[in-house]
Amino acid sequence: MRNSRPIDIKTGIELAAVAGSPRLKVVRTGVREGQMTKLEFFYDCSSPWTYLAFHRIEEVAAGAGAQLIWRPILVGGVFNAVNQSVYDQRRNPVFPKLSYAIKDLQDWARLYGLRIGQPAVFPVNSAKAMRGAFVAEERRCLPAYTRRVFEAYWGDLLDISQDEVLAAIVSQVGLDPADFLEKIASPPYKERLRSNTDELIARGGFGSPTIFVDTEDMYFGNDRLVLVADALERKLAR
């Protein structure tokens, strides 16, 4: 019998309409924790394409019973080390390609039901916001915090490098602003962000989002989620 579920033409993955937004199909796997595939998500909230991937990565992990590991990074550090061509492209854009990229981004945002605008401050210094992800992780609210940072920057067009903006964000997810701001200014949190960034570079990464399936199998970009899902499915089939 032919499957009647709609197919996401961008990804080829089965969809189910939930609250007006397509969702990746979640499969019951019964995978034990010790057998779970590791899925690492290296990300920086200053990237709109990363916002798109973040919006779906939890569903991809859940659909395969994979262990999702959040890996906050500073993408500017990655660019400085191994991908300075990004800066050349910004200084000397190919305008037809840039025009299409803007359209492409909005097509994806519409498909996912997200607001992605053009912040006045771009690129933004996301170091404080990304250090804050470790604070949120300790308080068991990292996904909620990360989503709110993405929404604030790309949807509300706020400058997430500013303490007052971050203070408002953390208040909305139940964190104490004073404690948060103190921690993200301290050496341990700076070092954790630097360590993740250096690790991504050492493992061959060059931007955000970068996704690893079981440590070695690397994927880059929102549009590779279909390949990530396929890799996870193949792991389950073994």
Protein backbone atom coordinates (compact mmCIF):
# COMPACT_ATOMS: atom_id res chain seq x y z
CA MET A 1 0.00 0.00 0.00
CA ARG A 2 1.38 3.37 -0.96
CA ASN A 3 2.34 5.71 1.89
CA SER A 4 -0.09 8.61 2.01
CA ARG A 5 1.99 10.89 4.24
CA PRO A 6 3.19 14.12 2.63
CA ILE A 7 6.87 14.33 1.74
CA ASP A 8 9.05 17.36 2.46
CA ILE A 9 10.32 18.23 -1.01
CA LYS A 10 13.40 19.90 0.49
CA THR A 11 14.46 16.88 2.53
CA GLY A 12 12.55 13.85 1.26
CA ILE A 13 11.52 13.02 4.84
CA GLU A 14 7.97 12.06 5.77
CA LEU A 15 6.04 14.86 7.44
CA ALA A 16 3.07 15.09 9.76
CA ALA A 17 1.26 18.40 10.07
CA VAL A 18 1.37 19.55 13.69
CA ALA A 19 0.18 23.01 14.67
CA GLY A 20 0.48 24.13 11.07
CA SER A 21 4.17 23.22 10.79
CA PRO A 22 5.64 20.08 9.19
CA ARG A 23 7.51 17.78 11.51
CA LEU A 24 9.97 15.00 10.90
CA LYS A 25 8.50 11.56 11.43
CA VAL A 26 9.37 10.14 14.85
CA VAL A 27 9.83 6.37 14.94
CA ARG A 28 9.51 4.20 18.04
CA THR A 29 12.82 2.41 18.25
CA GLY A 30 13.06 0.82 21.69
CA VAL A 31 16.80 1.49 21.69
CA ARG A 32 18.50 0.99 25.03
CA GLU A 33 20.61 3.86 26.36
CA GLY A 34 23.83 1.89 26.09
CA GLN A 35 23.13 1.20 22.43
CA MET A 36 22.18 4.75 21.47
CA THR A 37 23.96 6.41 18.57
CA LYS A 38 25.72 9.61 19.56
CA LEU A 39 24.59 12.73 17.70
CA GLU A 40 26.69 15.84 18.34
CA PHE A 41 25.37 19.26 17.33
CA PHE A 42 28.06 21.96 17.12
CA TYR A 43 26.32 25.32 16.82
CA ASP A 44 26.45 29.10 17.12
CA CYS A 45 23.26 31.17 17.39
CA SER A 46 24.68 33.88 15.11
CA SER A 47 23.92 31.72 12.04
CA PRO A 48 20.40 31.68 10.53
CA TRP A 49 21.06 28.35 8.84
CA THR A 50 21.94 26.95 12.25
CA TYR A 51 18.59 28.23 13.57
CA LEU A 52 16.87 26.13 10.91
CA ALA A 53 18.88 23.01 11.81
CA PHE A 54 18.35 23.57 15.54
CA HIS A 55 14.60 23.70 14.94
CA ARG A 56 14.66 20.10 13.69
CA ILE A 57 17.64 18.39 15.30
CA GLU A 58 15.76 17.16 18.37
CA GLU A 59 13.19 15.46 16.16
CA VAL A 60 15.92 13.83 14.08
CA ALA A 61 17.56 12.49 17.25
CA ALA A 62 14.28 11.32 18.76
CA GLY A 63 13.25 9.61 15.56
CA ALA A 64 16.30 7.37 15.72
CA GLY A 65 16.56 7.07 19.48
CA ALA A 66 19.92 8.85 19.29
CA GLN A 67 21.67 10.61 22.16
CA LEU A 68 21.74 14.32 21.27
CA ILE A 69 24.78 16.15 22.61
CA TRP A 70 24.77 19.95 22.44
CA ARG A 71 28.17 21.48 21.55
CA PRO A 72 28.10 25.32 21.68
CA ILE A 73 30.92 26.97 19.72
CA LEU A 74 32.10 30.40 18.59
CA VAL A 75 31.87 30.20 14.81
CA GLY A 76 34.01 33.31 14.35
CA GLY A 77 36.88 31.40 15.93
CA VAL A 78 36.37 28.62 13.42
CA PHE A 79 36.34 31.09 10.51
CA ASN A 80 39.50 32.78 11.76
CA ALA A 81 41.31 29.47 11.99
CA VAL A 82 40.24 27.52 8.91
CA ASN A 83 37.62 29.34 6.83
CA GLN A 84 38.60 32.95 6.20
CA SER A 85 37.00 32.73 2.75
CA VAL A 86 33.76 33.66 4.55
CA TYR A 87 35.14 37.15 5.10
CA ASP A 88 36.18 37.44 1.45
CA GLN A 89 32.67 36.52 0.36
CA ARG A 90 31.19 39.21 2.61
CA ARG A 91 33.54 41.85 1.22
CA ASN A 92 33.07 40.80 -2.40
CA PRO A 93 29.68 39.11 -2.73
CA VAL A 94 28.41 37.53 -5.93
CA PHE A 95 25.14 39.44 -6.02
CA PRO A 96 22.99 36.93 -7.94
CA LYS A 97 24.13 34.23 -5.52
CA LEU A 98 23.50 36.51 -2.52
CA SER A 99 20.02 37.34 -3.78
CA TYR A 100 19.21 33.67 -4.16
CA ALA A 101 20.62 32.84 -0.71
CA ILE A 102 18.26 35.40 0.84
CA LYS A 103 15.31 33.85 -0.98
CA ASP A 104 16.43 30.35 -0.06
CA LEU A 105 16.67 31.27 3.61
CA GLN A 106 13.14 32.69 3.58
CA ASP A 107 11.81 29.61 1.80
CA TRP A 108 13.23 27.41 4.57
CA ALA A 109 11.95 29.77 7.28
CA ARG A 110 8.45 29.65 5.78
CA LEU A 111 8.55 25.86 5.60
CA TYR A 112 9.60 25.61 9.25
CA GLY A 113 7.28 28.35 10.50
CA LEU A 114 10.13 30.55 11.79
CA ARG A 115 10.72 34.30 11.70
CA ILE A 116 14.14 35.09 10.26
CA GLY A 117 14.78 38.74 9.56
CA GLN A 118 17.86 40.88 8.93
CA PRO A 119 19.37 42.06 12.25
CA ALA A 120 20.90 45.54 12.22
CA VAL A 121 23.95 44.08 13.98
CA PHE A 122 25.41 41.41 11.70
CA PRO A 123 27.71 39.68 12.18
CA VAL A 124 27.16 39.77 15.93
CA ASN A 125 29.59 38.91 18.72
CA SER A 126 27.86 35.83 20.09
CA ALA A 127 30.55 34.86 22.62
CA LYS A 128 28.52 35.78 25.71
CA ALA A 129 25.37 34.12 24.41
CA MET A 130 27.24 30.93 23.55
CA ARG A 131 29.02 30.80 26.92
CA GLY A 132 25.56 31.14 28.39
CA ALA A 133 24.57 27.86 26.80
CA PHE A 134 26.78 26.08 29.33
CA VAL A 135 25.01 27.85 32.19
CA ALA A 136 21.66 26.81 30.71
CA GLU A 137 22.90 23.25 30.31
CA GLU A 138 23.80 23.11 34.00
CA ARG A 139 20.26 24.28 34.82
CA ARG A 140 18.73 21.74 32.42
CA CYS A 141 17.19 24.34 30.12
CA LEU A 142 19.68 24.50 27.26
CA PRO A 143 17.19 23.86 24.40
CA ALA A 144 14.76 26.49 25.73
CA TYR A 145 17.57 28.99 26.24
CA THR A 146 19.05 28.36 22.80
CA ARG A 147 15.68 28.71 21.09
CA ARG A 148 15.05 32.00 22.86
CA VAL A 149 18.49 33.32 21.81
CA PHE A 150 17.73 32.40 18.20
CA GLU A 151 14.29 34.01 18.41
CA ALA A 152 15.66 37.17 19.98
CA TYR A 153 18.35 37.66 17.36
CA TRP A 154 16.73 36.41 14.16
CA GLY A 155 13.07 37.03 14.99
CA ASP A 156 13.10 40.08 17.26
CA LEU A 157 16.31 41.47 15.67
CA LEU A 158 17.90 42.21 19.07
CA ASP A 159 21.63 42.54 19.68
CA ILE A 160 22.48 39.37 21.62
CA SER A 161 25.94 40.70 22.46
CA GLN A 162 24.36 43.10 24.97
CA ASP A 163 24.02 42.17 28.64
CA GLU A 164 20.54 43.66 28.96
CA VAL A 165 19.28 41.56 26.05
CA LEU A 166 20.76 38.39 27.52
CA ALA A 167 19.37 39.24 30.96
CA ALA A 168 15.87 39.44 29.51
CA ILE A 169 16.33 36.15 27.66
CA VAL A 170 17.49 34.22 30.72
CA SER A 171 14.67 35.64 32.82
CA GLN A 172 12.22 34.23 30.28
CA VAL A 173 13.65 30.72 30.65
CA GLY A 174 13.83 30.77 34.44
CA LEU A 175 17.49 31.64 35.03
CA ASP A 176 18.81 34.30 37.38
CA PRO A 177 20.28 37.16 35.29
CA ALA A 178 22.87 38.25 37.85
CA ASP A 179 24.19 34.72 38.33
CA PHE A 180 24.17 34.14 34.58
CA LEU A 181 26.11 37.31 33.73
CA GLU A 182 28.67 36.61 36.45
CA LYS A 183 29.30 33.10 35.18
CA ILE A 184 29.65 33.93 31.49
CA ALA A 185 32.31 36.52 32.36
CA SER A 186 34.37 33.97 34.28
CA PRO A 187 37.36 31.98 32.94
CA PRO A 188 35.81 28.48 33.21
CA TYR A 189 32.95 29.31 30.85
CA LYS A 190 35.24 31.11 28.43
CA GLU A 191 37.48 28.06 28.38
CA ARG A 192 34.61 25.64 27.77
CA LEU A 193 33.53 27.60 24.70
CA ARG A 194 37.11 27.83 23.46
CA SER A 195 37.60 24.09 24.00
CA ASN A 196 34.50 23.15 21.98
CA THR A 197 35.54 25.50 19.20
CA ASP A 198 39.08 24.12 19.08
CA GLU A 199 37.75 20.57 19.10
CA LEU A 200 35.51 21.22 16.11
CA ILE A 201 38.44 22.66 14.17
CA ALA A 202 40.60 19.66 15.07
CA ARG A 203 37.87 17.31 13.85
CA GLY A 204 37.63 18.96 10.45
CA GLY A 205 34.76 21.38 11.00
CA PHE A 206 34.64 24.73 9.23
CA GLY A 207 31.33 26.32 10.21
CA SER A 208 27.95 26.08 11.92
CA PRO A 209 25.99 23.89 12.19
CA THR A 210 28.27 20.87 12.13
CA ILE A 211 26.80 17.52 13.09
CA PHE A 212 28.61 14.28 13.90
CA VAL A 213 27.07 10.83 13.96
CA ASP A 214 29.07 8.58 16.29
CA THR A 215 32.09 10.90 16.42
CA GLU A 216 33.56 10.33 12.94
CA ASP A 217 30.71 10.85 10.45
CA MET A 218 30.48 14.63 9.82
CA TYR A 219 27.68 16.64 8.19
CA PHE A 220 27.49 20.40 7.63
CA GLY A 221 24.42 22.56 7.21
CA ASN A 222 20.67 22.50 7.69
CA ASP A 223 20.10 20.91 4.28
CA ARG A 224 22.13 17.87 5.34
CA LEU A 225 19.64 16.82 8.00
CA VAL A 226 18.10 14.35 5.58
CA LEU A 227 21.53 12.70 5.30
CA VAL A 228 21.92 12.73 9.08
CA ALA A 229 18.54 11.02 9.43
CA ASP A 230 19.58 8.44 6.84
CA ALA A 231 22.87 7.77 8.64
CA LEU A 232 21.01 7.25 11.89
CA GLU A 233 18.54 4.91 10.19
CA ARG A 234 21.39 2.85 8.77
CA LYS A 235 22.91 2.60 12.25
CA LEU A 236 19.60 1.20 13.54
CA ALA A 237 19.42 -1.34 10.73
CA ARG A 238 22.75 -2.94 11.61
